[in-house]
Amino acid sequence: MRATSGVSRRNVLRTTVAAGLAGTTALAAGMPAKATEPNGRSGVSLRWLGIAGWEMAFNGHRLLIDPYLTRQQYAGPDGKLDTQRPLEVNSRIIDWVVDNHLAGAPEFILVTHGHWDHLADVAPLLNNPKWTDQRIRVLGGETHLNLVRAMEIPPAREPDLVLVTGGENLRFPLRSTGQPRPDYTIEVVRSLHSQLGGYGFSPAGTLIVPPEKPATLGELVEGGTLGYQVTVRDGLRVMFLSGTANFAEREVAWARPDVLVLGASGNAAVHDYFERVLETLGWPRIVIPSHHDDLVTALDDPAVHDTVNRAVVTTLQNILGDRGRVLDPRHLQQFPL
């Protein structure tokens, strides 16, 4: 645990974030907040896109993390991943989310890894007619960007496929005489994929060149896993270890996020996952579970909210105790922090 210190802008910020927890929790759970409860003081909002997908918006800026909206069936008769199942794109639901829920085109899409339920809709979103003329940078590893290339994006998008490997600390906008300080930064961290009951995961693999256009789920391979911490100019830090239920402890031991978006499924083989990640990150004041729905129920089906494993909210809150609050997000509902 980190040592306490005197009053600072950082401590004041954490206190402000904590003050809005009650109202934010009520909003995320779909309940009205009491009029006397403050919330939204940071100017930052999140929207859960289902599975590990998120929109982060603040001060006119927008980022997407693992925006997968199609939610196709993936299992064979045995209930396990069928890697030979044809890859699908649900253009109707993508258009519906873009038109009715997203705040606009993002400045960045942050990819955590290459599996279909994280990467498969990146190219369709880049090709969406409403975003054709918008500059959108995609951050990802070599495999991830090669898969995006293979899924037939326009050549004009190529300069905005940004290779990252972990350790980068990127600012937006670029430094200039008129903008000496950034509006926000994106720190990239090396991470790990979830490890299931067999101590592994599928499909694994890496790609050093673009393959043929992927046709099956199994052709979207992991290709290494990344996490991201976004720091807004006034100091609010939101860390996305959201794409998997695992992490590289030594890679994030320096971080002290105010808000942690945490992958919450598929960690049966990971020792004390929740306990270690919360302690390593200094007990974040807000923790939001991710990747804990059924992956397939359509986003415009009201029943999608009932597919969430809400037991993880209780589990995380019991571990966090009175050091912070665990939120229970609802699909597509924007909530302020």
C-alpha atoms as a PDB file:
ATOM      1  CA  MET A   1       0.000   0.000   0.000  1.00  0.00           C
ATOM      2  CA  ARG A   2       1.216   3.508  -0.763  1.00  0.00           C
ATOM      3  CA  ALA A   3       2.134   5.957   1.958  1.00  0.00           C
ATOM      4  CA  THR A   4      -0.150   8.881   2.708  1.00  0.00           C
ATOM      5  CA  SER A   5       0.997  12.457   2.248  1.00  0.00           C
ATOM      6  CA  GLY A   6      -0.170  15.987   2.864  1.00  0.00           C
ATOM      7  CA  VAL A   7      -2.818  17.916   0.952  1.00  0.00           C
ATOM      8  CA  SER A   8      -2.074  18.114  -2.787  1.00  0.00           C
ATOM      9  CA  ARG A   9      -3.941  18.648  -6.045  1.00  0.00           C
ATOM     10  CA  ARG A  10      -3.800  14.882  -6.532  1.00  0.00           C
ATOM     11  CA  ASN A  11      -5.363  14.198  -3.112  1.00  0.00           C
ATOM     12  CA  VAL A  12      -8.025  16.852  -3.681  1.00  0.00           C
ATOM     13  CA  LEU A  13      -8.856  15.220  -7.015  1.00  0.00           C
ATOM     14  CA  ARG A  14      -9.230  11.798  -5.433  1.00  0.00           C
ATOM     15  CA  THR A  15     -11.502  13.298  -2.770  1.00  0.00           C
ATOM     16  CA  THR A  16     -13.613  14.942  -5.471  1.00  0.00           C
ATOM     17  CA  VAL A  17     -13.906  11.668  -7.367  1.00  0.00           C
ATOM     18  CA  ALA A  18     -14.912   9.884  -4.178  1.00  0.00           C
ATOM     19  CA  ALA A  19     -17.546  12.523  -3.448  1.00  0.00           C
ATOM     20  CA  GLY A  20     -19.332  11.666  -6.675  1.00  0.00           C
ATOM     21  CA  LEU A  21     -19.300   7.917  -6.168  1.00  0.00           C
ATOM     22  CA  ALA A  22     -22.768   7.488  -4.707  1.00  0.00           C
ATOM     23  CA  GLY A  23     -24.501   9.364  -7.506  1.00  0.00           C
ATOM     24  CA  THR A  24     -22.391   7.739 -10.213  1.00  0.00           C
ATOM     25  CA  THR A  25     -23.086   4.273  -8.822  1.00  0.00           C
ATOM     26  CA  ALA A  26     -26.820   4.916  -8.886  1.00  0.00           C
ATOM     27  CA  LEU A  27     -26.627   6.145 -12.479  1.00  0.00           C
ATOM     28  CA  ALA A  28     -24.543   3.218 -13.673  1.00  0.00           C
ATOM     29  CA  ALA A  29     -26.964   0.786 -12.083  1.00  0.00           C
ATOM     30  CA  GLY A  30     -29.899   2.443 -13.821  1.00  0.00           C
ATOM     31  CA  MET A  31     -31.297   4.032 -10.654  1.00  0.00           C
ATOM     32  CA  PRO A  32     -31.923   7.780 -10.281  1.00  0.00           C
ATOM     33  CA  ALA A  33     -29.353   9.602  -8.164  1.00  0.00           C
ATOM     34  CA  LYS A  34     -30.594  11.648  -5.249  1.00  0.00           C
ATOM     35  CA  ALA A  35     -30.705  15.369  -5.947  1.00  0.00           C
ATOM     36  CA  THR A  36     -28.329  16.020  -3.058  1.00  0.00           C
ATOM     37  CA  GLU A  37     -25.656  13.606  -4.332  1.00  0.00           C
ATOM     38  CA  PRO A  38     -22.878  15.268  -6.390  1.00  0.00           C
ATOM     39  CA  ASN A  39     -21.590  13.466  -9.464  1.00  0.00           C
ATOM     40  CA  GLY A  40     -19.834  14.167 -12.737  1.00  0.00           C
ATOM     41  CA  ARG A  41     -17.409  16.676 -11.259  1.00  0.00           C
ATOM     42  CA  SER A  42     -14.434  15.499 -13.291  1.00  0.00           C
ATOM     43  CA  GLY A  43     -16.035  16.187 -16.679  1.00  0.00           C
ATOM     44  CA  VAL A  44     -15.157  12.642 -17.761  1.00  0.00           C
ATOM     45  CA  SER A  45     -17.791  10.097 -18.749  1.00  0.00           C
ATOM     46  CA  LEU A  46     -17.657   6.437 -19.688  1.00  0.00           C
ATOM     47  CA  ARG A  47     -20.023   4.336 -21.754  1.00  0.00           C
ATOM     48  CA  TRP A  48     -19.905   0.540 -21.745  1.00  0.00           C
ATOM     49  CA  LEU A  49     -20.257  -0.878 -25.252  1.00  0.00           C
ATOM     50  CA  GLY A  50     -20.530  -4.448 -23.986  1.00  0.00           C
ATOM     51  CA  ILE A  51     -17.862  -7.131 -23.523  1.00  0.00           C
ATOM     52  CA  ALA A  52     -14.602  -5.109 -23.204  1.00  0.00           C
ATOM     53  CA  GLY A  53     -15.714  -2.133 -25.279  1.00  0.00           C
ATOM     54  CA  TRP A  54     -15.718   1.393 -23.840  1.00  0.00           C
ATOM     55  CA  GLU A  55     -16.159   4.988 -24.895  1.00  0.00           C
ATOM     56  CA  MET A  56     -14.358   7.635 -22.824  1.00  0.00           C
ATOM     57  CA  ALA A  57     -15.443  11.244 -23.418  1.00  0.00           C
ATOM     58  CA  PHE A  58     -14.314  14.540 -21.878  1.00  0.00           C
ATOM     59  CA  ASN A  59     -13.997  18.174 -22.929  1.00  0.00           C
ATOM     60  CA  GLY A  60     -14.895  17.426 -26.545  1.00  0.00           C
ATOM     61  CA  HIS A  61     -12.441  14.505 -26.774  1.00  0.00           C
ATOM     62  CA  ARG A  62     -13.439  10.893 -27.374  1.00  0.00           C
ATOM     63  CA  LEU A  63     -11.611   7.578 -27.270  1.00  0.00           C
ATOM     64  CA  LEU A  64     -12.809   4.029 -27.916  1.00  0.00           C
ATOM     65  CA  ILE A  65     -11.331   0.945 -26.304  1.00  0.00           C
ATOM     66  CA  ASP A  66     -11.964  -2.469 -27.937  1.00  0.00           C
ATOM     67  CA  PRO A  67     -15.206  -1.350 -29.644  1.00  0.00           C
ATOM     68  CA  TYR A  68     -16.798  -4.680 -30.596  1.00  0.00           C
ATOM     69  CA  LEU A  69     -20.553  -4.328 -31.252  1.00  0.00           C
ATOM     70  CA  THR A  70     -21.526  -7.281 -33.496  1.00  0.00           C
ATOM     71  CA  ARG A  71     -21.685  -9.849 -30.656  1.00  0.00           C
ATOM     72  CA  GLN A  72     -21.965 -12.895 -32.929  1.00  0.00           C
ATOM     73  CA  GLN A  73     -22.432 -16.442 -31.769  1.00  0.00           C
ATOM     74  CA  TYR A  74     -19.034 -18.022 -31.153  1.00  0.00           C
ATOM     75  CA  ALA A  75     -19.607 -21.412 -29.507  1.00  0.00           C
ATOM     76  CA  GLY A  76     -19.984 -24.879 -30.962  1.00  0.00           C
ATOM     77  CA  PRO A  77     -22.406 -27.554 -29.692  1.00  0.00           C
ATOM     78  CA  ASP A  78     -20.118 -28.183 -26.725  1.00  0.00           C
ATOM     79  CA  GLY A  79     -20.426 -24.578 -25.593  1.00  0.00           C
ATOM     80  CA  LYS A  80     -16.757 -23.840 -26.291  1.00  0.00           C
ATOM     81  CA  LEU A  81     -15.215 -21.473 -28.812  1.00  0.00           C
ATOM     82  CA  ASP A  82     -15.560 -22.776 -32.366  1.00  0.00           C
ATOM     83  CA  THR A  83     -12.504 -21.313 -34.093  1.00  0.00           C
ATOM     84  CA  GLN A  84     -13.866 -22.389 -37.503  1.00  0.00           C
ATOM     85  CA  ARG A  85     -17.088 -20.413 -37.149  1.00  0.00           C
ATOM     86  CA  PRO A  86     -17.360 -17.810 -39.933  1.00  0.00           C
ATOM     87  CA  LEU A  87     -16.608 -14.246 -38.875  1.00  0.00           C
ATOM     88  CA  GLU A  88     -19.649 -11.964 -39.030  1.00  0.00           C
ATOM     89  CA  VAL A  89     -20.129  -8.194 -39.085  1.00  0.00           C
ATOM     90  CA  ASN A  90     -23.478  -6.819 -37.933  1.00  0.00           C
ATOM     91  CA  SER A  91     -23.596  -3.573 -39.912  1.00  0.00           C
ATOM     92  CA  ARG A  92     -27.102  -2.808 -38.668  1.00  0.00           C
ATOM     93  CA  ILE A  93     -26.121  -2.790 -35.001  1.00  0.00           C
ATOM     94  CA  ILE A  94     -22.879  -0.909 -35.698  1.00  0.00           C
ATOM     95  CA  ASP A  95     -24.816   1.836 -37.510  1.00  0.00           C
ATOM     96  CA  TRP A  96     -27.415   1.924 -34.730  1.00  0.00           C
ATOM     97  CA  VAL A  97     -24.784   2.414 -32.025  1.00  0.00           C
ATOM     98  CA  VAL A  98     -22.881   5.031 -34.057  1.00  0.00           C
ATOM     99  CA  ASP A  99     -26.074   6.966 -34.831  1.00  0.00           C
ATOM    100  CA  ASN A 100     -27.784   6.766 -31.466  1.00  0.00           C
ATOM    101  CA  HIS A 101     -25.227   6.229 -28.729  1.00  0.00           C
ATOM    102  CA  LEU A 102     -21.677   7.262 -29.521  1.00  0.00           C
ATOM    103  CA  ALA A 103     -20.830  10.919 -28.999  1.00  0.00           C
ATOM    104  CA  GLY A 104     -19.005  11.108 -32.340  1.00  0.00           C
ATOM    105  CA  ALA A 105     -15.897   9.780 -34.049  1.00  0.00           C
ATOM    106  CA  PRO A 106     -13.036   9.082 -31.627  1.00  0.00           C
ATOM    107  CA  GLU A 107      -9.579  10.581 -31.833  1.00  0.00           C
ATOM    108  CA  PHE A 108      -8.093   7.208 -30.889  1.00  0.00           C
ATOM    109  CA  ILE A 109      -9.149   3.561 -30.873  1.00  0.00           C
ATOM    110  CA  LEU A 110      -7.135   1.624 -28.297  1.00  0.00           C
ATOM    111  CA  VAL A 111      -6.821  -2.112 -29.011  1.00  0.00           C
ATOM    112  CA  THR A 112      -5.924  -4.463 -26.162  1.00  0.00           C
ATOM    113  CA  HIS A 113      -5.459  -7.621 -28.263  1.00  0.00           C
ATOM    114  CA  GLY A 114      -6.457  -9.334 -31.472  1.00  0.00           C
ATOM    115  CA  HIS A 115      -9.322 -11.685 -30.592  1.00  0.00           C
ATOM    116  CA  TRP A 116     -12.611 -11.286 -32.478  1.00  0.00           C
ATOM    117  CA  ASP A 117     -14.533  -9.931 -29.471  1.00  0.00           C
ATOM    118  CA  HIS A 118     -12.097  -7.011 -29.239  1.00  0.00           C
ATOM    119  CA  LEU A 119     -10.841  -6.280 -32.767  1.00  0.00           C
ATOM    120  CA  ALA A 120     -13.385  -7.546 -35.306  1.00  0.00           C
ATOM    121  CA  ASP A 121     -15.386  -4.308 -35.574  1.00  0.00           C
ATOM    122  CA  VAL A 122     -12.450  -1.861 -35.714  1.00  0.00           C
ATOM    123  CA  ALA A 123     -12.233  -1.935 -39.516  1.00  0.00           C
ATOM    124  CA  PRO A 124     -16.030  -1.689 -40.001  1.00  0.00           C
ATOM    125  CA  LEU A 125     -16.065   1.340 -37.707  1.00  0.00           C
ATOM    126  CA  LEU A 126     -13.194   2.962 -39.605  1.00  0.00           C
ATOM    127  CA  ASN A 127     -15.166   2.303 -42.806  1.00  0.00           C
ATOM    128  CA  ASN A 128     -18.437   3.699 -41.434  1.00  0.00           C
ATOM    129  CA  PRO A 129     -19.672   6.422 -43.822  1.00  0.00           C
ATOM    130  CA  LYS A 130     -20.243   8.882 -40.984  1.00  0.00           C
ATOM    131  CA  TRP A 131     -16.578   8.611 -39.951  1.00  0.00           C
ATOM    132  CA  THR A 132     -14.986   8.472 -43.412  1.00  0.00           C
ATOM    133  CA  ASP A 133     -13.604  12.006 -43.234  1.00  0.00           C
ATOM    134  CA  GLN A 134     -12.614  11.852 -39.572  1.00  0.00           C
ATOM    135  CA  ARG A 135      -9.014  11.260 -38.521  1.00  0.00           C
ATOM    136  CA  ILE A 136      -8.947   8.273 -36.164  1.00  0.00           C
ATOM    137  CA  ARG A 137      -5.666   6.870 -34.901  1.00  0.00           C
ATOM    138  CA  VAL A 138      -5.580   3.191 -33.936  1.00  0.00           C
ATOM    139  CA  LEU A 139      -3.097   2.089 -31.272  1.00  0.00           C
ATOM    140  CA  GLY A 140      -2.128  -1.566 -31.159  1.00  0.00           C
ATOM    141  CA  GLY A 141       0.616  -4.142 -31.418  1.00  0.00           C
ATOM    142  CA  GLU A 142       2.056  -5.480 -34.670  1.00  0.00           C
ATOM    143  CA  THR A 143      -0.398  -8.370 -34.887  1.00  0.00           C
ATOM    144  CA  HIS A 144      -3.383  -6.162 -34.112  1.00  0.00           C
ATOM    145  CA  LEU A 145      -2.534  -3.613 -36.793  1.00  0.00           C
ATOM    146  CA  ASN A 146      -1.821  -6.317 -39.363  1.00  0.00           C
ATOM    147  CA  LEU A 147      -5.276  -7.766 -38.712  1.00  0.00           C
ATOM    148  CA  VAL A 148      -6.881  -4.333 -39.133  1.00  0.00           C
ATOM    149  CA  ARG A 149      -5.006  -3.928 -42.430  1.00  0.00           C
ATOM    150  CA  ALA A 150      -6.217  -7.341 -43.590  1.00  0.00           C
ATOM    151  CA  MET A 151      -9.831  -6.352 -42.932  1.00  0.00           C
ATOM    152  CA  GLU A 152      -9.717  -3.885 -45.827  1.00  0.00           C
ATOM    153  CA  ILE A 153      -9.460  -0.368 -44.521  1.00  0.00           C
ATOM    154  CA  PRO A 154      -8.832   2.477 -47.005  1.00  0.00           C
ATOM    155  CA  PRO A 155      -5.155   3.203 -47.806  1.00  0.00           C
ATOM    156  CA  ALA A 156      -5.647   6.700 -46.391  1.00  0.00           C
ATOM    157  CA  ARG A 157      -6.022   5.130 -42.936  1.00  0.00           C
ATOM    158  CA  GLU A 158      -2.578   3.501 -43.013  1.00  0.00           C
ATOM    159  CA  PRO A 159      -0.631   6.484 -41.523  1.00  0.00           C
ATOM    160  CA  ASP A 160      -2.958   6.434 -38.522  1.00  0.00           C
ATOM    161  CA  LEU A 161      -2.242   2.815 -37.565  1.00  0.00           C
ATOM    162  CA  VAL A 162       0.150   3.477 -34.698  1.00  0.00           C
ATOM    163  CA  LEU A 163       2.394   0.645 -33.505  1.00  0.00           C
ATOM    164  CA  VAL A 164       2.835   0.483 -29.723  1.00  0.00           C
ATOM    165  CA  THR A 165       4.510  -2.217 -27.656  1.00  0.00           C
ATOM    166  CA  GLY A 166       4.136  -1.004 -24.062  1.00  0.00           C
ATOM    167  CA  GLY A 167       5.967   1.737 -22.238  1.00  0.00           C
ATOM    168  CA  GLU A 168       4.880   4.590 -24.518  1.00  0.00           C
ATOM    169  CA  ASN A 169       3.567   7.816 -22.966  1.00  0.00           C
ATOM    170  CA  LEU A 170       1.790   9.688 -25.747  1.00  0.00           C
ATOM    171  CA  ARG A 171       0.292  13.174 -25.615  1.00  0.00           C
ATOM    172  CA  PHE A 172      -2.606  14.767 -27.486  1.00  0.00           C
ATOM    173  CA  PRO A 173      -2.407  17.097 -29.222  1.00  0.00           C
ATOM    174  CA  LEU A 174       1.159  17.088 -30.456  1.00  0.00           C
ATOM    175  CA  ARG A 175       3.471  19.536 -28.720  1.00  0.00           C
ATOM    176  CA  SER A 176       3.564  22.986 -30.317  1.00  0.00           C
ATOM    177  CA  THR A 177       4.336  26.537 -29.252  1.00  0.00           C
ATOM    178  CA  GLY A 178       0.618  27.123 -28.854  1.00  0.00           C
ATOM    179  CA  GLN A 179       0.023  23.862 -26.965  1.00  0.00           C
ATOM    180  CA  PRO A 180       2.921  23.244 -24.557  1.00  0.00           C
ATOM    181  CA  ARG A 181       0.763  21.032 -22.329  1.00  0.00           C
ATOM    182  CA  PRO A 182      -1.435  18.186 -23.590  1.00  0.00           C
ATOM    183  CA  ASP A 183      -5.180  17.902 -23.188  1.00  0.00           C
ATOM    184  CA  TYR A 184      -4.583  14.274 -22.238  1.00  0.00           C
ATOM    185  CA  THR A 185      -1.987  11.523 -22.329  1.00  0.00           C
ATOM    186  CA  ILE A 186      -2.179   7.813 -23.144  1.00  0.00           C
ATOM    187  CA  GLU A 187       0.256   5.509 -21.379  1.00  0.00           C
ATOM    188  CA  VAL A 188       0.594   2.057 -22.927  1.00  0.00           C
ATOM    189  CA  VAL A 189       1.389  -0.898 -20.654  1.00  0.00           C
ATOM    190  CA  ARG A 190       2.328  -4.456 -21.447  1.00  0.00           C
ATOM    191  CA  SER A 191      -0.257  -6.871 -20.120  1.00  0.00           C
ATOM    192  CA  LEU A 192      -1.285 -10.547 -20.200  1.00  0.00           C
ATOM    193  CA  HIS A 193      -4.205 -12.477 -21.594  1.00  0.00           C
ATOM    194  CA  SER A 194      -6.607 -14.307 -19.303  1.00  0.00           C
ATOM    195  CA  GLN A 195      -5.681 -17.885 -18.504  1.00  0.00           C
ATOM    196  CA  LEU A 196      -8.554 -20.308 -18.248  1.00  0.00           C
ATOM    197  CA  GLY A 197      -9.030 -23.724 -16.681  1.00  0.00           C
ATOM    198  CA  GLY A 198      -6.503 -25.330 -19.045  1.00  0.00           C
ATOM    199  CA  TYR A 199      -3.897 -22.666 -18.209  1.00  0.00           C
ATOM    200  CA  GLY A 200      -4.028 -21.276 -21.719  1.00  0.00           C
ATOM    201  CA  PHE A 201      -6.198 -19.423 -24.205  1.00  0.00           C
ATOM    202  CA  SER A 202      -7.185 -19.665 -27.858  1.00  0.00           C
ATOM    203  CA  PRO A 203      -6.574 -18.584 -30.528  1.00  0.00           C
ATOM    204  CA  ALA A 204      -2.953 -17.707 -29.810  1.00  0.00           C
ATOM    205  CA  GLY A 205      -0.315 -16.522 -32.251  1.00  0.00           C
ATOM    206  CA  THR A 206       1.369 -13.488 -33.782  1.00  0.00           C
ATOM    207  CA  LEU A 207       1.503 -11.970 -37.256  1.00  0.00           C
ATOM    208  CA  ILE A 208       4.467 -10.064 -38.667  1.00  0.00           C
ATOM    209  CA  VAL A 209       2.747  -9.334 -42.004  1.00  0.00           C
ATOM    210  CA  PRO A 210      -0.918  -8.809 -42.902  1.00  0.00           C
ATOM    211  CA  PRO A 211      -2.655 -12.154 -43.571  1.00  0.00           C
ATOM    212  CA  GLU A 212      -5.427 -12.834 -46.047  1.00  0.00           C
ATOM    213  CA  LYS A 213      -8.701 -11.234 -45.015  1.00  0.00           C
ATOM    214  CA  PRO A 214      -9.826 -13.155 -41.897  1.00  0.00           C
ATOM    215  CA  ALA A 215     -12.812 -15.403 -42.531  1.00  0.00           C
ATOM    216  CA  THR A 216     -13.143 -17.289 -39.237  1.00  0.00           C
ATOM    217  CA  LEU A 217     -12.992 -16.455 -35.543  1.00  0.00           C
ATOM    218  CA  GLY A 218      -9.795 -18.464 -35.161  1.00  0.00           C
ATOM    219  CA  GLU A 219      -7.932 -16.255 -37.604  1.00  0.00           C
ATOM    220  CA  LEU A 220      -8.104 -13.317 -35.211  1.00  0.00           C
ATOM    221  CA  VAL A 221      -5.223 -14.279 -32.941  1.00  0.00           C
ATOM    222  CA  GLU A 222      -4.237 -12.630 -29.668  1.00  0.00           C
ATOM    223  CA  GLY A 223      -0.875 -11.208 -30.752  1.00  0.00           C
ATOM    224  CA  GLY A 224       0.098  -9.914 -27.317  1.00  0.00           C
ATOM    225  CA  THR A 225      -2.025  -7.960 -24.853  1.00  0.00           C
ATOM    226  CA  LEU A 226      -1.876  -4.289 -23.894  1.00  0.00           C
ATOM    227  CA  GLY A 227      -3.434  -2.028 -21.280  1.00  0.00           C
ATOM    228  CA  TYR A 228      -3.841   1.737 -21.320  1.00  0.00           C
ATOM    229  CA  GLN A 229      -3.967   4.578 -18.809  1.00  0.00           C
ATOM    230  CA  VAL A 230      -5.568   7.826 -19.977  1.00  0.00           C
ATOM    231  CA  THR A 231      -4.769  10.923 -17.927  1.00  0.00           C
ATOM    232  CA  VAL A 232      -6.963  13.971 -18.467  1.00  0.00           C
ATOM    233  CA  ARG A 233      -5.237  17.329 -18.254  1.00  0.00           C
ATOM    234  CA  ASP A 234      -6.608  18.160 -14.790  1.00  0.00           C
ATOM    235  CA  GLY A 235      -5.168  14.925 -13.436  1.00  0.00           C
ATOM    236  CA  LEU A 236      -7.929  12.292 -13.500  1.00  0.00           C
ATOM    237  CA  ARG A 237      -6.387   8.919 -14.373  1.00  0.00           C
ATOM    238  CA  VAL A 238      -8.459   6.119 -15.898  1.00  0.00           C
ATOM    239  CA  MET A 239      -6.703   2.781 -16.408  1.00  0.00           C
ATOM    240  CA  PHE A 240      -8.095   0.190 -18.807  1.00  0.00           C
ATOM    241  CA  LEU A 241      -6.980  -3.315 -17.850  1.00  0.00           C
ATOM    242  CA  SER A 242     -10.309  -4.109 -19.411  1.00  0.00           C
ATOM    243  CA  GLY A 243      -9.657  -6.513 -22.261  1.00  0.00           C
ATOM    244  CA  THR A 244      -8.606  -9.555 -20.236  1.00  0.00           C
ATOM    245  CA  ALA A 245      -8.719 -10.843 -16.682  1.00  0.00           C
ATOM    246  CA  ASN A 246      -4.984 -10.847 -16.117  1.00  0.00           C
ATOM    247  CA  PHE A 247      -2.197  -8.291 -15.777  1.00  0.00           C
ATOM    248  CA  ALA A 248       1.590  -7.991 -15.594  1.00  0.00           C
ATOM    249  CA  GLU A 249       2.140  -6.868 -12.024  1.00  0.00           C
ATOM    250  CA  ARG A 250       5.599  -5.362 -12.478  1.00  0.00           C
ATOM    251  CA  GLU A 251       4.493  -3.397 -15.553  1.00  0.00           C
ATOM    252  CA  VAL A 252       1.850  -1.408 -13.645  1.00  0.00           C
ATOM    253  CA  ALA A 253       3.265  -1.223 -10.119  1.00  0.00           C
ATOM    254  CA  TRP A 254       3.993   2.490 -10.660  1.00  0.00           C
ATOM    255  CA  ALA A 255       0.410   3.367 -11.551  1.00  0.00           C
ATOM    256  CA  ARG A 256      -2.116   4.936  -9.188  1.00  0.00           C
ATOM    257  CA  PRO A 257      -5.299   5.319 -11.245  1.00  0.00           C
ATOM    258  CA  ASP A 258      -8.337   7.073  -9.824  1.00  0.00           C
ATOM    259  CA  VAL A 259     -10.574   4.820 -11.927  1.00  0.00           C
ATOM    260  CA  LEU A 260      -9.806   1.219 -12.894  1.00  0.00           C
ATOM    261  CA  VAL A 261     -11.779  -0.548 -15.643  1.00  0.00           C
ATOM    262  CA  LEU A 262     -10.991  -4.185 -14.950  1.00  0.00           C
ATOM    263  CA  GLY A 263     -11.497  -7.362 -16.968  1.00  0.00           C
ATOM    264  CA  ALA A 264     -13.492  -9.700 -14.760  1.00  0.00           C
ATOM    265  CA  SER A 265     -13.874 -13.108 -16.434  1.00  0.00           C
ATOM    266  CA  GLY A 266     -11.656 -16.008 -17.443  1.00  0.00           C
ATOM    267  CA  ASN A 267      -9.199 -15.857 -14.560  1.00  0.00           C
ATOM    268  CA  ALA A 268      -9.603 -19.340 -13.093  1.00  0.00           C
ATOM    269  CA  ALA A 269      -5.878 -20.055 -13.505  1.00  0.00           C
ATOM    270  CA  VAL A 270      -4.659 -16.653 -12.271  1.00  0.00           C
ATOM    271  CA  HIS A 271      -3.626 -16.580  -8.608  1.00  0.00           C
ATOM    272  CA  ASP A 272      -5.468 -13.991  -6.469  1.00  0.00           C
ATOM    273  CA  TYR A 273      -6.184 -11.885  -9.537  1.00  0.00           C
ATOM    274  CA  PHE A 274      -8.581  -9.344  -8.035  1.00  0.00           C
ATOM    275  CA  GLU A 275      -6.653  -8.992  -4.783  1.00  0.00           C
ATOM    276  CA  ARG A 276      -3.280  -8.527  -6.487  1.00  0.00           C
ATOM    277  CA  VAL A 277      -4.403  -6.020  -9.083  1.00  0.00           C
ATOM    278  CA  LEU A 278      -6.234  -3.788  -6.601  1.00  0.00           C
ATOM    279  CA  GLU A 279      -3.349  -3.764  -4.152  1.00  0.00           C
ATOM    280  CA  THR A 280      -0.729  -3.290  -6.870  1.00  0.00           C
ATOM    281  CA  LEU A 281      -2.595  -0.231  -8.189  1.00  0.00           C
ATOM    282  CA  GLY A 282      -2.971   1.341  -4.747  1.00  0.00           C
ATOM    283  CA  TRP A 283      -6.679   0.585  -4.194  1.00  0.00           C
ATOM    284  CA  PRO A 284      -8.337   2.754  -6.886  1.00  0.00           C
ATOM    285  CA  ARG A 285     -11.276   4.846  -5.655  1.00  0.00           C
ATOM    286  CA  ILE A 286     -13.543   3.634  -8.460  1.00  0.00           C
ATOM    287  CA  VAL A 287     -13.441   0.115  -9.936  1.00  0.00           C
ATOM    288  CA  ILE A 288     -15.623  -0.837 -12.906  1.00  0.00           C
ATOM    289  CA  PRO A 289     -15.836  -4.472 -14.057  1.00  0.00           C
ATOM    290  CA  SER A 290     -15.542  -5.234 -17.774  1.00  0.00           C
ATOM    291  CA  HIS A 291     -15.862  -8.268 -20.065  1.00  0.00           C
ATOM    292  CA  HIS A 292     -18.483  -9.874 -17.819  1.00  0.00           C
ATOM    293  CA  ASP A 293     -21.570 -10.247 -20.017  1.00  0.00           C
ATOM    294  CA  ASP A 294     -22.591 -13.163 -22.260  1.00  0.00           C
ATOM    295  CA  LEU A 295     -20.865 -11.761 -25.404  1.00  0.00           C
ATOM    296  CA  VAL A 296     -23.762 -12.586 -27.746  1.00  0.00           C
ATOM    297  CA  THR A 297     -27.064 -10.977 -26.739  1.00  0.00           C
ATOM    298  CA  ALA A 298     -27.712  -8.052 -29.085  1.00  0.00           C
ATOM    299  CA  LEU A 299     -27.090  -4.570 -27.741  1.00  0.00           C
ATOM    300  CA  ASP A 300     -30.602  -3.459 -28.752  1.00  0.00           C
ATOM    301  CA  ASP A 301     -32.187  -6.359 -26.858  1.00  0.00           C
ATOM    302  CA  PRO A 302     -33.354  -5.143 -23.406  1.00  0.00           C
ATOM    303  CA  ALA A 303     -32.372  -8.552 -22.038  1.00  0.00           C
ATOM    304  CA  VAL A 304     -28.683  -7.756 -22.595  1.00  0.00           C
ATOM    305  CA  HIS A 305     -28.564  -6.128 -19.158  1.00  0.00           C
ATOM    306  CA  ASP A 306     -29.607  -9.419 -17.574  1.00  0.00           C
ATOM    307  CA  THR A 307     -26.642 -11.317 -19.019  1.00  0.00           C
ATOM    308  CA  VAL A 308     -24.100  -9.574 -16.781  1.00  0.00           C
ATOM    309  CA  ASN A 309     -22.296 -11.531 -14.067  1.00  0.00           C
ATOM    310  CA  ARG A 310     -23.052  -9.090 -11.268  1.00  0.00           C
ATOM    311  CA  ALA A 311     -21.531 -11.394  -8.662  1.00  0.00           C
ATOM    312  CA  VAL A 312     -18.190  -9.845  -9.602  1.00  0.00           C
ATOM    313  CA  VAL A 313     -19.447  -6.478  -8.347  1.00  0.00           C
ATOM    314  CA  THR A 314     -20.003  -7.961  -4.891  1.00  0.00           C
ATOM    315  CA  THR A 315     -16.700  -9.839  -4.989  1.00  0.00           C
ATOM    316  CA  LEU A 316     -14.726  -6.743  -5.945  1.00  0.00           C
ATOM    317  CA  GLN A 317     -16.515  -4.569  -3.388  1.00  0.00           C
ATOM    318  CA  ASN A 318     -15.768  -7.050  -0.609  1.00  0.00           C
ATOM    319  CA  ILE A 319     -12.079  -6.932  -1.512  1.00  0.00           C
ATOM    320  CA  LEU A 320     -11.993  -3.154  -1.936  1.00  0.00           C
ATOM    321  CA  GLY A 321     -13.899  -2.533   1.291  1.00  0.00           C
ATOM    322  CA  ASP A 322     -14.288   1.102   2.327  1.00  0.00           C
ATOM    323  CA  ARG A 323     -11.278   2.166   0.235  1.00  0.00           C
ATOM    324  CA  GLY A 324     -13.472   2.752  -2.813  1.00  0.00           C
ATOM    325  CA  ARG A 325     -16.616   1.822  -4.703  1.00  0.00           C
ATOM    326  CA  VAL A 326     -17.344  -0.728  -7.419  1.00  0.00           C
ATOM    327  CA  LEU A 327     -19.759   0.434 -10.104  1.00  0.00           C
ATOM    328  CA  ASP A 328     -22.251  -1.752 -11.963  1.00  0.00           C
ATOM    329  CA  PRO A 329     -22.400  -0.319 -15.525  1.00  0.00           C
ATOM    330  CA  ARG A 330     -25.282  -0.815 -17.935  1.00  0.00           C
ATOM    331  CA  HIS A 331     -24.819  -1.345 -21.644  1.00  0.00           C
ATOM    332  CA  LEU A 332     -24.639   1.854 -23.729  1.00  0.00           C
ATOM    333  CA  GLN A 333     -25.535   4.093 -20.817  1.00  0.00           C
ATOM    334  CA  GLN A 334     -23.146   7.004 -20.422  1.00  0.00           C
ATOM    335  CA  PHE A 335     -22.232   7.808 -16.829  1.00  0.00           C
ATOM    336  CA  PRO A 336     -20.140  10.659 -15.426  1.00  0.00           C
ATOM    337  CA  LEU A 337     -17.216  10.209 -13.093  1.00  0.00           C
END
